[in-house]
N, C-alpha and C. Protein backbone atom coordinates (compact mmCIF):
# COMPACT_ATOMS: atom_id res chain seq x y z
N MET A 1 28.34 -29.06 18.31
CA MET A 1 28.17 -27.52 17.88
C MET A 1 26.26 -27.27 18.61
N PRO A 2 26.47 -25.88 19.03
CA PRO A 2 25.52 -25.79 19.19
C PRO A 2 24.20 -25.32 18.36
N LEU A 3 22.96 -25.44 18.48
CA LEU A 3 22.19 -25.28 17.37
C LEU A 3 22.25 -23.90 17.16
N ILE A 4 21.81 -23.37 16.27
CA ILE A 4 21.40 -21.88 15.97
C ILE A 4 20.33 -21.38 14.94
N ILE A 5 19.33 -20.59 16.00
CA ILE A 5 18.46 -20.37 15.36
C ILE A 5 17.95 -18.52 15.22
N ILE A 6 17.60 -18.29 14.18
CA ILE A 6 17.30 -17.35 13.53
C ILE A 6 16.17 -16.84 13.20
N LEU A 7 15.40 -16.02 14.05
CA LEU A 7 14.06 -16.05 14.02
C LEU A 7 14.08 -14.68 12.79
N VAL A 8 13.57 -14.92 11.73
CA VAL A 8 13.49 -13.50 10.37
C VAL A 8 12.50 -12.88 10.26
N ASP A 9 12.53 -11.73 10.13
CA ASP A 9 11.40 -10.69 9.55
C ASP A 9 10.20 -10.60 10.60
N CYS A 10 10.94 -10.59 11.45
CA CYS A 10 10.41 -10.21 12.95
C CYS A 10 9.42 -8.90 12.85
N GLY A 11 8.37 -8.90 13.38
CA GLY A 11 7.46 -7.56 13.55
C GLY A 11 7.66 -6.81 14.40
N ILE A 12 9.13 -6.47 14.49
CA ILE A 12 9.17 -5.42 15.85
C ILE A 12 10.07 -4.39 15.17
N GLU A 13 9.58 -2.78 15.82
CA GLU A 13 9.76 -1.89 15.35
C GLU A 13 9.29 -0.60 16.00
N LEU A 14 9.77 0.19 15.95
CA LEU A 14 8.92 1.47 16.39
C LEU A 14 7.93 2.19 15.80
N ILE A 15 6.87 2.69 16.44
CA ILE A 15 6.39 3.14 15.51
C ILE A 15 6.90 4.49 14.56
N PRO A 16 6.59 4.38 13.36
CA PRO A 16 6.85 4.86 12.58
C PRO A 16 6.68 6.36 12.57
N LYS A 17 7.30 7.12 11.87
CA LYS A 17 7.07 8.64 12.16
C LYS A 17 5.79 9.33 11.94
N GLU A 18 5.36 8.23 10.55
CA GLU A 18 4.27 9.14 9.28
C GLU A 18 2.90 8.74 9.89
N LEU A 19 3.44 7.30 11.26
CA LEU A 19 2.35 7.38 12.12
C LEU A 19 1.80 8.09 13.21
N ARG A 20 2.69 8.72 13.52
CA ARG A 20 2.73 9.63 14.87
C ARG A 20 1.46 10.63 15.13
N TYR A 21 1.42 11.08 14.25
CA TYR A 21 -0.15 12.11 14.75
C TYR A 21 -1.57 11.37 14.49
N HIS A 22 -1.93 10.02 14.08
CA HIS A 22 -2.41 9.16 14.15
C HIS A 22 -3.43 9.26 15.41
N SER A 23 -4.66 9.35 15.16
CA SER A 23 -5.54 9.55 16.67
C SER A 23 -5.45 8.03 17.52
N THR A 24 -5.26 6.84 16.94
CA THR A 24 -5.03 6.02 17.86
C THR A 24 -3.76 5.96 18.66
N VAL A 25 -2.67 6.25 17.73
CA VAL A 25 -1.18 6.34 18.18
C VAL A 25 -1.58 7.62 19.13
N ARG A 26 -1.53 8.59 18.66
CA ARG A 26 -1.92 9.86 19.78
C ARG A 26 -2.21 9.50 21.34
N LYS A 27 -3.04 8.58 21.09
CA LYS A 27 -3.75 8.06 21.92
C LYS A 27 -3.28 7.04 23.34
N ASN A 28 -2.19 6.73 22.73
CA ASN A 28 -1.60 5.42 23.32
C ASN A 28 0.02 5.90 23.75
N PHE A 29 0.42 6.77 23.12
CA PHE A 29 2.01 6.97 22.74
C PHE A 29 2.09 7.77 23.93
N SER A 30 3.29 7.47 24.43
CA SER A 30 3.96 8.30 25.51
C SER A 30 5.68 8.42 25.60
N SER A 31 5.96 9.32 25.37
CA SER A 31 7.65 9.42 25.26
C SER A 31 8.43 8.94 26.79
N GLN A 32 7.60 8.57 27.55
CA GLN A 32 7.87 8.51 29.11
C GLN A 32 8.07 6.74 29.09
N ILE A 33 7.09 6.02 28.38
CA ILE A 33 6.42 4.97 28.70
C ILE A 33 7.09 4.10 27.24
N TYR A 34 8.45 3.19 27.46
CA TYR A 34 8.81 2.43 26.34
C TYR A 34 7.61 1.34 25.56
N SER A 35 7.06 0.92 26.17
CA SER A 35 6.49 -0.26 25.68
C SER A 35 5.32 0.58 24.27
N SER A 36 5.01 2.01 24.56
CA SER A 36 3.51 2.59 24.13
C SER A 36 4.37 3.17 22.96
N GLN A 37 5.62 2.99 22.65
CA GLN A 37 6.54 3.43 21.52
C GLN A 37 7.12 2.49 20.54
N LEU A 38 6.09 0.68 20.68
CA LEU A 38 6.73 -0.07 20.32
C LEU A 38 5.56 -0.19 19.02
N LEU A 39 5.26 -0.66 17.86
CA LEU A 39 4.47 -1.10 17.09
C LEU A 39 4.00 -2.24 17.23
N ASP A 40 2.56 -1.84 17.58
CA ASP A 40 1.77 -3.32 18.10
C ASP A 40 0.24 -3.56 17.01
N ASN A 41 0.06 -4.37 16.24
CA ASN A 41 -1.13 -4.29 15.65
C ASN A 41 -2.49 -4.36 16.26
N ALA A 42 -2.47 -5.00 17.39
CA ALA A 42 -3.33 -4.86 18.60
C ALA A 42 -3.99 -3.41 18.81
N LEU A 43 -3.32 -2.33 18.96
CA LEU A 43 -3.16 -1.12 19.31
C LEU A 43 -3.81 -0.39 18.16
N TYR A 44 -2.69 -0.84 17.16
CA TYR A 44 -2.62 0.54 16.34
C TYR A 44 -2.90 -0.34 14.67
N HIS A 45 -3.65 -0.96 14.81
CA HIS A 45 -4.50 -1.55 13.50
C HIS A 45 -4.84 -0.89 12.39
N THR A 46 -5.82 -0.10 12.79
CA THR A 46 -6.45 1.36 12.08
C THR A 46 -5.30 2.24 11.36
N ALA A 47 -4.50 2.41 12.46
CA ALA A 47 -3.51 3.13 11.99
C ALA A 47 -2.30 2.63 10.66
N MET A 48 -2.17 1.23 10.91
CA MET A 48 -1.02 0.76 9.79
C MET A 48 -1.64 0.14 8.79
N LYS A 49 -3.05 0.54 8.42
CA LYS A 49 -3.62 0.25 7.09
C LYS A 49 -3.08 0.27 6.08
N LYS A 50 -2.17 1.65 5.98
CA LYS A 50 -1.68 2.16 4.50
C LYS A 50 0.16 1.79 4.72
N LEU A 51 0.26 0.92 5.70
CA LEU A 51 1.35 1.02 5.80
C LEU A 51 2.07 0.01 4.72
N ALA A 52 3.21 -0.24 4.03
CA ALA A 52 3.91 -1.15 3.11
C ALA A 52 4.16 -2.23 3.88
N ASN A 53 3.90 -3.73 3.68
CA ASN A 53 4.14 -5.01 3.85
C ASN A 53 3.34 -4.76 5.32
N SER A 54 2.16 -4.23 5.64
CA SER A 54 1.76 -3.95 7.23
C SER A 54 1.44 -5.54 7.53
N GLU A 55 1.30 -6.72 6.80
CA GLU A 55 0.59 -8.15 7.43
C GLU A 55 2.31 -8.64 7.71
N LYS A 56 3.03 -8.33 7.95
CA LYS A 56 4.20 -8.14 8.88
C LYS A 56 4.80 -7.85 10.22
N ARG A 57 4.19 -6.61 10.00
CA ARG A 57 4.43 -5.39 11.05
C ARG A 57 3.69 -5.45 12.00
N GLY A 58 4.28 -4.97 13.43
CA GLY A 58 3.31 -4.89 14.13
C GLY A 58 2.91 -6.26 15.05
N ARG A 59 3.49 -7.11 15.30
CA ARG A 59 3.75 -8.37 15.65
C ARG A 59 4.66 -8.49 17.14
N PRO A 60 4.70 -7.96 18.16
CA PRO A 60 5.86 -8.30 18.89
C PRO A 60 5.59 -9.31 19.57
N ASP A 61 4.15 -9.84 19.46
CA ASP A 61 3.53 -11.07 20.45
C ASP A 61 4.16 -12.41 19.85
N ILE A 62 4.34 -12.49 18.64
CA ILE A 62 4.83 -13.65 18.01
C ILE A 62 6.55 -14.08 18.61
N THR A 63 7.29 -12.64 18.31
CA THR A 63 8.71 -12.87 18.85
C THR A 63 8.90 -13.18 20.33
N HIS A 64 7.74 -12.91 21.12
CA HIS A 64 7.57 -13.05 22.43
C HIS A 64 7.71 -14.32 22.81
N LEU A 65 6.36 -14.94 22.16
CA LEU A 65 6.32 -16.34 22.55
C LEU A 65 7.39 -17.01 21.95
N CYS A 66 8.03 -16.97 20.73
CA CYS A 66 9.23 -17.60 20.51
C CYS A 66 10.20 -17.59 20.89
N LEU A 67 10.31 -16.48 21.67
CA LEU A 67 11.56 -16.08 23.00
C LEU A 67 11.29 -16.89 23.98
N LEU A 68 10.45 -16.93 24.42
CA LEU A 68 9.86 -18.04 25.93
C LEU A 68 10.13 -19.01 25.65
N ASN A 69 9.84 -19.82 24.48
CA ASN A 69 9.62 -21.08 24.62
C ASN A 69 11.48 -21.70 24.11
N ALA A 70 12.32 -20.68 23.27
CA ALA A 70 13.41 -20.94 23.01
C ALA A 70 14.58 -21.04 24.46
N LEU A 71 14.37 -19.85 25.05
CA LEU A 71 15.34 -19.40 25.93
C LEU A 71 14.64 -20.14 27.25
N GLY A 72 13.82 -20.69 27.56
CA GLY A 72 13.35 -21.62 28.77
C GLY A 72 13.40 -22.78 28.55
N SER A 73 14.21 -23.28 27.47
CA SER A 73 14.52 -24.87 26.81
C SER A 73 15.55 -25.71 27.77
N PRO A 74 15.79 -26.40 27.57
CA PRO A 74 16.91 -27.34 28.29
C PRO A 74 18.15 -27.20 27.30
N LEU A 75 17.59 -27.27 26.21
CA LEU A 75 18.75 -26.77 25.24
C LEU A 75 19.53 -25.30 25.41
N ASN A 76 18.90 -24.34 25.72
CA ASN A 76 19.67 -23.36 26.01
C ASN A 76 20.05 -22.79 27.51
N LYS A 77 19.39 -23.71 28.74
CA LYS A 77 19.70 -23.89 29.51
C LYS A 77 21.32 -24.54 29.97
N ALA A 78 21.25 -25.32 29.01
CA ALA A 78 22.63 -26.33 29.21
C ALA A 78 23.66 -25.27 27.91
N GLY A 79 23.37 -24.08 27.49
CA GLY A 79 24.64 -23.71 26.50
C GLY A 79 24.50 -24.24 25.48
N ASN A 80 23.70 -24.82 24.86
CA ASN A 80 23.65 -25.14 23.67
C ASN A 80 22.82 -24.75 22.29
N LEU A 81 22.49 -23.53 22.76
CA LEU A 81 21.71 -22.66 21.90
C LEU A 81 22.09 -21.52 21.52
N LYS A 82 22.15 -21.01 20.23
CA LYS A 82 22.42 -19.79 19.86
C LYS A 82 21.59 -19.02 19.19
N LEU A 83 20.87 -17.79 19.68
CA LEU A 83 19.49 -17.45 19.06
C LEU A 83 19.67 -15.70 18.72
N PHE A 84 18.91 -15.51 17.76
CA PHE A 84 19.23 -14.29 17.40
C PHE A 84 17.58 -13.54 16.76
N ILE A 85 17.18 -12.58 16.67
CA ILE A 85 16.12 -12.38 16.10
C ILE A 85 16.77 -11.12 14.55
N HIS A 86 15.92 -11.12 13.61
CA HIS A 86 16.01 -10.26 12.20
C HIS A 86 15.03 -9.60 12.23
N THR A 87 14.82 -7.97 12.37
CA THR A 87 13.51 -7.59 12.24
C THR A 87 13.25 -7.14 11.20
N ILE A 88 12.20 -6.70 11.08
CA ILE A 88 11.09 -6.08 9.72
C ILE A 88 12.40 -5.04 8.68
N ASN A 89 12.77 -4.26 10.03
CA ASN A 89 13.79 -3.06 9.32
C ASN A 89 15.47 -3.73 9.19
N ASN A 90 15.56 -5.00 9.25
CA ASN A 90 16.71 -5.75 8.90
C ASN A 90 17.78 -5.22 9.97
N LYS A 91 17.68 -5.40 11.08
CA LYS A 91 18.41 -5.04 12.41
C LYS A 91 18.35 -6.42 13.24
N ILE A 92 19.70 -6.97 13.42
CA ILE A 92 19.75 -8.70 14.01
C ILE A 92 20.49 -8.22 15.21
N PHE A 93 19.87 -8.95 15.98
CA PHE A 93 19.95 -9.02 17.80
C PHE A 93 20.37 -10.48 18.15
N GLU A 94 21.62 -10.49 18.97
CA GLU A 94 21.80 -11.97 19.34
C GLU A 94 21.50 -11.81 21.10
N PHE A 95 20.58 -13.04 21.50
CA PHE A 95 20.48 -13.32 23.04
C PHE A 95 21.22 -13.76 24.02
N ASN A 96 22.05 -13.57 24.72
CA ASN A 96 22.42 -14.18 25.81
C ASN A 96 21.59 -14.94 26.43
N SER A 97 22.28 -16.83 26.19
CA SER A 97 21.44 -17.50 26.81
C SER A 97 20.86 -17.21 28.11
N GLU A 98 21.60 -16.37 29.01
CA GLU A 98 21.13 -16.18 30.87
C GLU A 98 20.10 -15.20 30.70
N ILE A 99 19.85 -14.48 29.67
CA ILE A 99 18.76 -13.25 29.67
C ILE A 99 17.38 -14.06 30.08
N ARG A 100 16.47 -13.73 30.79
CA ARG A 100 15.45 -14.09 31.38
C ARG A 100 14.31 -12.97 30.88
N ILE A 101 13.59 -13.18 29.39
CA ILE A 101 12.63 -12.42 28.98
C ILE A 101 11.42 -12.29 29.73
N ALA A 102 10.83 -11.24 30.33
CA ALA A 102 9.82 -10.88 31.01
C ALA A 102 8.59 -11.57 30.22
N ARG A 103 7.87 -12.44 31.18
CA ARG A 103 6.50 -13.14 30.96
C ARG A 103 5.68 -12.28 30.70
N ASN A 104 5.58 -10.98 31.20
CA ASN A 104 4.32 -9.81 31.22
C ASN A 104 4.88 -9.22 29.76
N TYR A 105 3.69 -9.38 28.89
CA TYR A 105 3.47 -8.78 27.66
C TYR A 105 4.29 -7.45 27.37
N ASN A 106 3.15 -6.59 28.62
CA ASN A 106 3.70 -4.80 28.08
C ASN A 106 5.59 -4.87 28.48
N ARG A 107 5.70 -5.39 29.56
CA ARG A 107 7.27 -5.35 30.19
C ARG A 107 8.22 -5.75 28.63
N PHE A 108 7.87 -6.78 28.20
CA PHE A 108 8.54 -7.57 27.02
C PHE A 108 8.82 -6.42 26.33
N LYS A 109 7.44 -5.79 25.91
CA LYS A 109 6.93 -4.55 24.78
C LYS A 109 8.53 -3.50 24.83
N GLY A 110 8.24 -3.01 26.28
CA GLY A 110 8.86 -2.00 26.83
C GLY A 110 10.59 -2.49 26.40
N LEU A 111 10.90 -3.80 26.76
CA LEU A 111 12.11 -4.00 26.62
C LEU A 111 12.67 -4.12 25.31
N MET A 112 11.82 -4.90 24.40
CA MET A 112 12.05 -4.39 22.49
C MET A 112 12.13 -3.06 22.49
N ALA A 113 11.27 -1.80 22.77
CA ALA A 113 11.33 -0.70 22.24
C ALA A 113 13.08 -0.18 22.96
N LYS A 114 13.35 -0.45 24.20
CA LYS A 114 14.53 0.26 24.29
C LYS A 114 15.83 -0.49 23.48
N LEU A 115 15.33 -1.75 23.17
CA LEU A 115 16.36 -2.13 22.77
C LEU A 115 16.77 -1.76 21.35
N LEU A 116 15.84 -1.36 20.49
CA LEU A 116 15.67 -0.59 19.53
C LEU A 116 16.75 0.72 19.60
N ILE A 117 15.90 1.45 20.59
CA ILE A 117 16.79 2.87 20.96
C ILE A 117 18.00 2.83 20.99
N ASP A 118 18.46 2.00 21.94
CA ASP A 118 19.84 1.55 22.88
C ASP A 118 20.54 0.83 21.94
N ASN A 119 20.09 0.05 21.18
CA ASN A 119 20.84 -0.97 20.12
C ASN A 119 21.34 -1.70 20.67
N GLY A 120 21.05 -2.33 22.51
CA GLY A 120 21.46 -3.43 22.87
C GLY A 120 21.22 -3.30 24.28
N ILE A 121 20.80 -4.13 24.86
CA ILE A 121 20.44 -4.48 26.40
C ILE A 121 21.66 -4.90 27.31
N THR A 122 22.36 -4.32 28.29
CA THR A 122 23.63 -4.17 29.48
C THR A 122 23.01 -4.08 30.47
N VAL A 123 23.27 -5.50 31.61
CA VAL A 123 22.84 -5.37 32.53
C VAL A 123 24.26 -5.54 33.86
N ASN A 124 24.36 -4.49 34.44
CA ASN A 124 25.79 -4.82 35.54
C ASN A 124 27.09 -4.98 34.66
N GLY A 125 27.22 -4.76 33.50
CA GLY A 125 28.30 -4.72 32.40
C GLY A 125 28.22 -6.09 31.69
N THR A 126 27.28 -6.73 31.43
CA THR A 126 27.10 -7.99 30.93
C THR A 126 26.10 -7.84 29.98
N PRO A 127 26.61 -8.03 28.77
CA PRO A 127 25.77 -7.68 27.36
C PRO A 127 24.57 -8.69 27.26
N LEU A 128 23.62 -8.61 27.60
CA LEU A 128 22.25 -9.63 27.48
C LEU A 128 21.58 -9.70 26.11
N ILE A 129 21.58 -8.63 25.40
CA ILE A 129 21.23 -8.54 24.24
C ILE A 129 22.34 -8.05 23.00
N SER A 130 22.50 -8.40 21.97
CA SER A 130 23.51 -7.37 21.39
C SER A 130 23.40 -7.33 19.69
N ARG A 131 23.52 -6.15 19.83
CA ARG A 131 23.28 -5.80 18.03
C ARG A 131 24.57 -6.21 17.29
N PHE A 132 24.11 -7.06 16.25
CA PHE A 132 24.79 -7.98 14.99
C PHE A 132 25.20 -6.64 14.11
N GLU A 133 26.26 -6.38 13.63
CA GLU A 133 26.44 -5.23 12.79
C GLU A 133 26.88 -5.64 11.37
N GLY A 134 25.83 -5.94 10.63
CA GLY A 134 26.06 -6.78 9.58
C GLY A 134 24.34 -7.08 9.01
N ASN A 135 24.12 -7.80 7.90
CA ASN A 135 22.85 -8.35 7.49
C ASN A 135 23.30 -10.07 7.79
N LEU A 136 21.79 -10.39 7.17
CA LEU A 136 22.33 -11.90 7.25
C LEU A 136 22.75 -13.13 6.49
N TYR A 137 23.55 -12.40 5.33
CA TYR A 137 24.24 -13.00 4.71
C TYR A 137 25.49 -12.81 5.60
N THR A 138 25.83 -11.70 5.93
CA THR A 138 27.01 -11.32 6.72
C THR A 138 26.86 -12.55 7.72
N LEU A 139 26.02 -12.18 8.76
CA LEU A 139 25.83 -13.35 9.64
C LEU A 139 26.25 -14.73 9.60
N ILE A 140 25.51 -15.30 8.65
CA ILE A 140 25.26 -16.47 7.99
C ILE A 140 27.15 -16.87 7.53
N ASN A 141 27.79 -16.24 6.92
CA ASN A 141 28.97 -16.40 6.16
C ASN A 141 29.97 -16.31 7.71
N GLU A 142 29.90 -15.87 8.56
CA GLU A 142 30.72 -15.60 9.97
C GLU A 142 30.52 -16.74 10.32
N LEU A 143 29.55 -17.64 10.51
CA LEU A 143 29.49 -19.08 11.03
C LEU A 143 30.47 -20.29 10.18
N LYS A 144 30.98 -20.83 11.26
CA LYS A 144 31.88 -22.11 10.53
C LYS A 144 31.26 -23.05 9.75
N ASN A 145 30.78 -23.42 8.61
CA ASN A 145 30.89 -24.57 8.18
C ASN A 145 29.38 -24.46 8.25
N PRO A 146 28.61 -23.64 7.67
CA PRO A 146 27.22 -23.45 8.28
C PRO A 146 26.19 -24.54 7.26
N ASP A 147 25.38 -25.32 7.92
CA ASP A 147 24.33 -25.53 7.11
C ASP A 147 23.12 -25.23 7.32
N VAL A 148 22.23 -24.56 6.44
CA VAL A 148 21.33 -23.58 7.04
C VAL A 148 20.08 -24.13 6.37
N TYR A 149 18.95 -24.22 6.76
CA TYR A 149 17.46 -24.90 6.98
C TYR A 149 16.55 -23.54 6.75
N LEU A 150 15.79 -23.67 5.68
CA LEU A 150 14.37 -22.72 6.10
C LEU A 150 13.34 -23.64 6.45
N PHE A 151 12.55 -23.08 7.48
CA PHE A 151 11.43 -23.81 7.87
C PHE A 151 10.10 -23.17 6.90
N SER A 152 9.38 -23.43 6.12
CA SER A 152 8.16 -23.20 5.92
C SER A 152 7.12 -24.34 5.49
N SER A 153 6.28 -23.99 5.88
CA SER A 153 4.72 -25.03 5.26
C SER A 153 4.81 -25.38 3.94
N LYS A 154 5.97 -24.90 2.92
CA LYS A 154 5.95 -24.86 1.69
C LYS A 154 7.27 -25.90 1.29
N GLY A 155 7.88 -26.10 2.60
CA GLY A 155 8.59 -26.64 2.13
C GLY A 155 8.85 -28.27 1.79
N GLU A 156 9.75 -29.04 1.52
CA GLU A 156 9.66 -30.61 1.42
C GLU A 156 9.41 -31.01 3.25
N LEU A 157 8.35 -31.90 3.33
CA LEU A 157 8.22 -32.40 4.50
C LEU A 157 9.18 -33.50 4.98
N ILE A 158 9.48 -33.25 6.17
CA ILE A 158 10.86 -33.96 6.79
C ILE A 158 10.14 -34.48 7.82
N LYS A 159 9.90 -36.40 7.87
CA LYS A 159 8.91 -36.90 8.74
C LYS A 159 10.09 -37.44 10.07
N ASP A 160 11.25 -37.77 9.36
CA ASP A 160 12.57 -38.16 10.39
C ASP A 160 13.31 -37.06 10.87
N TYR A 161 13.38 -36.41 12.22
CA TYR A 161 14.04 -35.51 12.51
C TYR A 161 15.78 -35.95 12.45
N LYS A 162 16.11 -37.39 12.38
CA LYS A 162 17.83 -37.77 12.44
C LYS A 162 17.92 -36.70 10.89
N ASP A 163 17.16 -36.76 10.00
CA ASP A 163 17.39 -36.20 8.37
C ASP A 163 17.60 -34.81 8.27
N LEU A 164 16.45 -34.36 9.79
CA LEU A 164 16.49 -32.81 9.62
C LEU A 164 18.02 -32.01 10.10
N LEU A 165 18.63 -32.59 11.23
CA LEU A 165 19.57 -32.04 11.86
C LEU A 165 21.08 -32.33 12.13
N ILE A 166 20.90 -33.49 11.86
CA ILE A 166 22.12 -34.57 12.51
C ILE A 166 22.93 -35.34 11.56
N ASN A 167 22.45 -34.58 10.28
CA ASN A 167 23.07 -35.61 9.05
C ASN A 167 24.49 -35.65 9.05
N ASP A 168 25.25 -34.23 9.70
CA ASP A 168 26.57 -33.95 9.70
C ASP A 168 27.05 -33.26 10.58
N LEU A 169 27.22 -33.62 11.84
CA LEU A 169 27.06 -32.79 12.97
C LEU A 169 28.95 -32.21 12.96
N SER A 170 29.77 -32.15 11.69
CA SER A 170 30.76 -31.24 11.63
C SER A 170 30.47 -30.05 11.43
N LYS A 171 29.08 -29.61 10.77
CA LYS A 171 28.40 -28.21 10.45
C LYS A 171 28.09 -27.89 11.64
N ASN A 172 27.89 -26.48 11.44
CA ASN A 172 26.61 -25.52 12.27
C ASN A 172 25.26 -25.88 12.07
N LYS A 173 24.39 -26.46 12.52
CA LYS A 173 22.92 -26.30 11.94
C LYS A 173 22.14 -24.96 12.43
N VAL A 174 22.12 -24.42 11.06
CA VAL A 174 21.61 -22.88 11.58
C VAL A 174 19.88 -23.09 11.23
N CYS A 175 19.07 -22.97 12.00
CA CYS A 175 17.65 -22.79 11.90
C CYS A 175 16.85 -21.50 11.26
N ILE A 176 16.31 -21.53 10.26
CA ILE A 176 15.65 -19.78 10.00
C ILE A 176 13.92 -20.05 9.88
N ILE A 177 13.80 -19.61 11.06
CA ILE A 177 11.96 -19.63 10.95
C ILE A 177 11.93 -18.05 11.07
N GLY A 178 10.07 -17.87 9.97
CA GLY A 178 9.80 -16.45 10.00
C GLY A 178 9.04 -16.16 11.47
N GLY A 179 9.19 -15.28 11.31
CA GLY A 179 8.92 -14.34 13.04
C GLY A 179 7.63 -13.68 12.61
N PHE A 180 6.58 -13.82 11.80
CA PHE A 180 5.35 -13.08 11.24
C PHE A 180 4.77 -14.06 11.51
N GLN A 181 2.91 -13.60 11.02
CA GLN A 181 1.85 -14.15 11.18
C GLN A 181 1.53 -14.73 9.33
N LYS A 182 1.61 -13.93 8.35
CA LYS A 182 1.10 -13.70 6.93
C LYS A 182 2.19 -13.56 6.57
N SER A 183 1.66 -13.92 4.91
CA SER A 183 2.90 -13.66 4.08
C SER A 183 4.41 -14.64 4.05
N ASN A 184 5.33 -14.38 3.08
CA ASN A 184 6.59 -15.18 3.10
C ASN A 184 7.79 -14.42 3.25
N PHE A 185 8.69 -15.25 3.26
CA PHE A 185 10.01 -14.57 3.54
C PHE A 185 10.53 -13.58 2.42
N SER A 186 11.50 -12.73 2.73
CA SER A 186 11.66 -11.82 1.80
C SER A 186 12.79 -12.44 1.03
N GLU A 187 13.11 -11.66 -0.08
CA GLU A 187 14.13 -12.05 -0.75
C GLU A 187 15.56 -12.57 -0.67
N GLU A 188 15.44 -11.68 0.50
CA GLU A 188 17.17 -11.53 1.57
C GLU A 188 16.96 -13.18 1.93
N VAL A 189 16.23 -13.31 2.58
CA VAL A 189 16.05 -14.68 3.50
C VAL A 189 16.12 -15.51 2.40
N LEU A 190 15.33 -15.47 1.50
CA LEU A 190 14.92 -17.06 0.47
C LEU A 190 16.54 -16.96 -0.24
N LYS A 191 17.42 -16.28 -0.48
CA LYS A 191 18.99 -16.25 -1.05
C LYS A 191 19.47 -17.38 -0.14
N LEU A 192 19.33 -17.33 1.12
CA LEU A 192 20.53 -17.77 2.20
C LEU A 192 20.33 -19.19 1.98
N SER A 193 19.41 -19.85 1.69
CA SER A 193 19.37 -21.48 1.76
C SER A 193 18.27 -22.15 0.30
N LYS A 194 18.67 -23.23 -0.17
CA LYS A 194 17.98 -24.12 -1.07
C LYS A 194 17.43 -25.01 -0.26
N ASN A 195 17.85 -25.15 1.00
CA ASN A 195 16.95 -26.57 1.66
C ASN A 195 15.79 -25.59 2.69
N VAL A 196 14.80 -25.98 1.83
CA VAL A 196 13.36 -25.32 2.29
C VAL A 196 12.57 -26.72 2.70
N CYS A 197 12.39 -26.75 4.28
CA CYS A 197 11.31 -28.03 4.73
C CYS A 197 10.61 -27.33 5.51
N SER A 198 9.78 -28.67 5.78
CA SER A 198 8.50 -28.28 6.70
C SER A 198 8.62 -29.63 7.92
N ILE A 199 7.95 -29.72 8.70
CA ILE A 199 8.47 -30.75 10.02
C ILE A 199 6.75 -31.08 10.31
N SER A 200 5.89 -30.81 9.49
CA SER A 200 4.31 -31.16 9.38
C SER A 200 3.43 -30.72 8.69
N LYS A 201 2.55 -31.55 8.62
CA LYS A 201 1.38 -31.62 7.10
C LYS A 201 0.58 -30.64 7.53
N PHE A 202 1.04 -29.43 8.62
CA PHE A 202 -0.28 -28.37 9.17
C PHE A 202 1.06 -27.18 9.06
N SER A 203 0.08 -25.86 8.90
CA SER A 203 0.85 -24.95 8.93
C SER A 203 0.88 -24.55 10.47
N LEU A 204 2.27 -24.38 10.86
CA LEU A 204 2.49 -24.28 12.48
C LEU A 204 2.49 -22.70 12.70
N ASP A 205 2.66 -22.42 13.86
CA ASP A 205 2.82 -20.85 14.32
C ASP A 205 4.56 -20.98 14.64
N ALA A 206 5.16 -19.78 14.37
CA ALA A 206 6.53 -19.95 14.49
C ALA A 206 6.69 -20.44 16.26
N TRP A 207 6.38 -20.03 16.95
CA TRP A 207 6.96 -20.60 18.33
C TRP A 207 6.45 -22.41 18.50
N VAL A 208 5.80 -22.85 17.56
CA VAL A 208 5.62 -24.40 17.95
C VAL A 208 6.80 -25.09 17.06
N VAL A 209 6.95 -24.35 15.87
CA VAL A 209 8.03 -24.89 14.83
C VAL A 209 9.24 -24.76 16.01
N ILE A 210 9.57 -23.79 16.48
CA ILE A 210 11.04 -23.84 17.20
C ILE A 210 10.85 -24.74 18.38
N SER A 211 9.64 -24.78 19.26
CA SER A 211 9.78 -25.83 20.46
C SER A 211 10.02 -27.41 19.51
N LYS A 212 9.77 -27.37 18.45
CA LYS A 212 9.70 -28.78 17.78
C LYS A 212 10.99 -29.08 17.44
N ILE A 213 11.64 -28.04 16.92
CA ILE A 213 12.96 -28.21 16.41
C ILE A 213 14.00 -28.23 17.22
N ILE A 214 13.83 -27.68 18.43
CA ILE A 214 14.93 -27.82 19.49
C ILE A 214 14.41 -29.13 20.24
N ASN A 215 13.30 -29.46 20.55
CA ASN A 215 13.05 -30.93 21.26
C ASN A 215 13.61 -31.76 20.19
N PHE A 216 13.91 -31.56 19.29
CA PHE A 216 14.64 -32.67 17.68
C PHE A 216 15.98 -32.84 18.57
N TYR A 217 16.35 -31.65 18.51
CA TYR A 217 17.75 -31.53 18.97
C TYR A 217 18.60 -32.26 20.57
N GLU A 218 17.35 -32.01 21.27
CA GLU A 218 17.67 -32.33 22.75
C GLU A 218 17.35 -33.62 22.80
N LEU A 219 16.40 -34.53 22.24
CA LEU A 219 16.37 -35.41 22.29
C LEU A 219 17.70 -36.43 21.64
N TYR A 220 18.25 -35.97 20.73
CA TYR A 220 19.64 -36.62 19.59
C TYR A 220 20.41 -36.52 21.29
N HIS A 221 20.68 -35.09 21.28
CA HIS A 221 21.77 -35.07 22.27
C HIS A 221 21.73 -35.40 23.59
N ASN A 222 20.54 -36.22 23.93
CA ASN A 222 20.17 -36.82 25.14
C ASN A 222 20.13 -35.44 26.18
N ILE A 223 19.86 -34.15 25.99
CA ILE A 223 19.99 -33.15 26.72
C ILE A 223 18.49 -33.40 27.42
N VAL A 224 17.94 -33.00 28.79
CA VAL A 224 17.02 -32.87 29.35
C VAL A 224 17.22 -32.19 30.57
């Protein structure tokens, strides 16, 4: 079965209406340029100070690095990865394994803004990013016999990858990773599984966690 990765609580959103008239936003925003319409902490940090849950928001760079690592992996190229992102505003998108994510950060931001506006990305009739109509609970329930893991530095340390993802290959292995820099999983995410685990004694960036998990799976299934 393919490995299923869900990157949750990602800081991917359009600039909220309440920030549109802030001086730093007005300076950079253009209705003609998609990338300028995406909330980015690097550009709009001053304007974001009063936003609720601001520590999780405006970080498309984290999602960018995670997607580059996951979609560029041998596991994905072999067709053995299913990848979803869940945004801070509870939108869920599935990525076609054949999509090529832009390496350029501004082009990536433009793609994400267009995705949020159009609710999907299709090229020549092929859906490259598709909207999942439902919440995380619905998504998990639609997966056949799921074995769900939440990855957190606060979880139980797992030293042997064989104990982590391959203890029962009859089940779908679902790995949930936080797509944010600070704070914790939302309550909605924490309710999805009691299996909270860690793969290092150090606190790791999301894209490092994704790389290590994928590598575990590739090694066991001899995907090179």
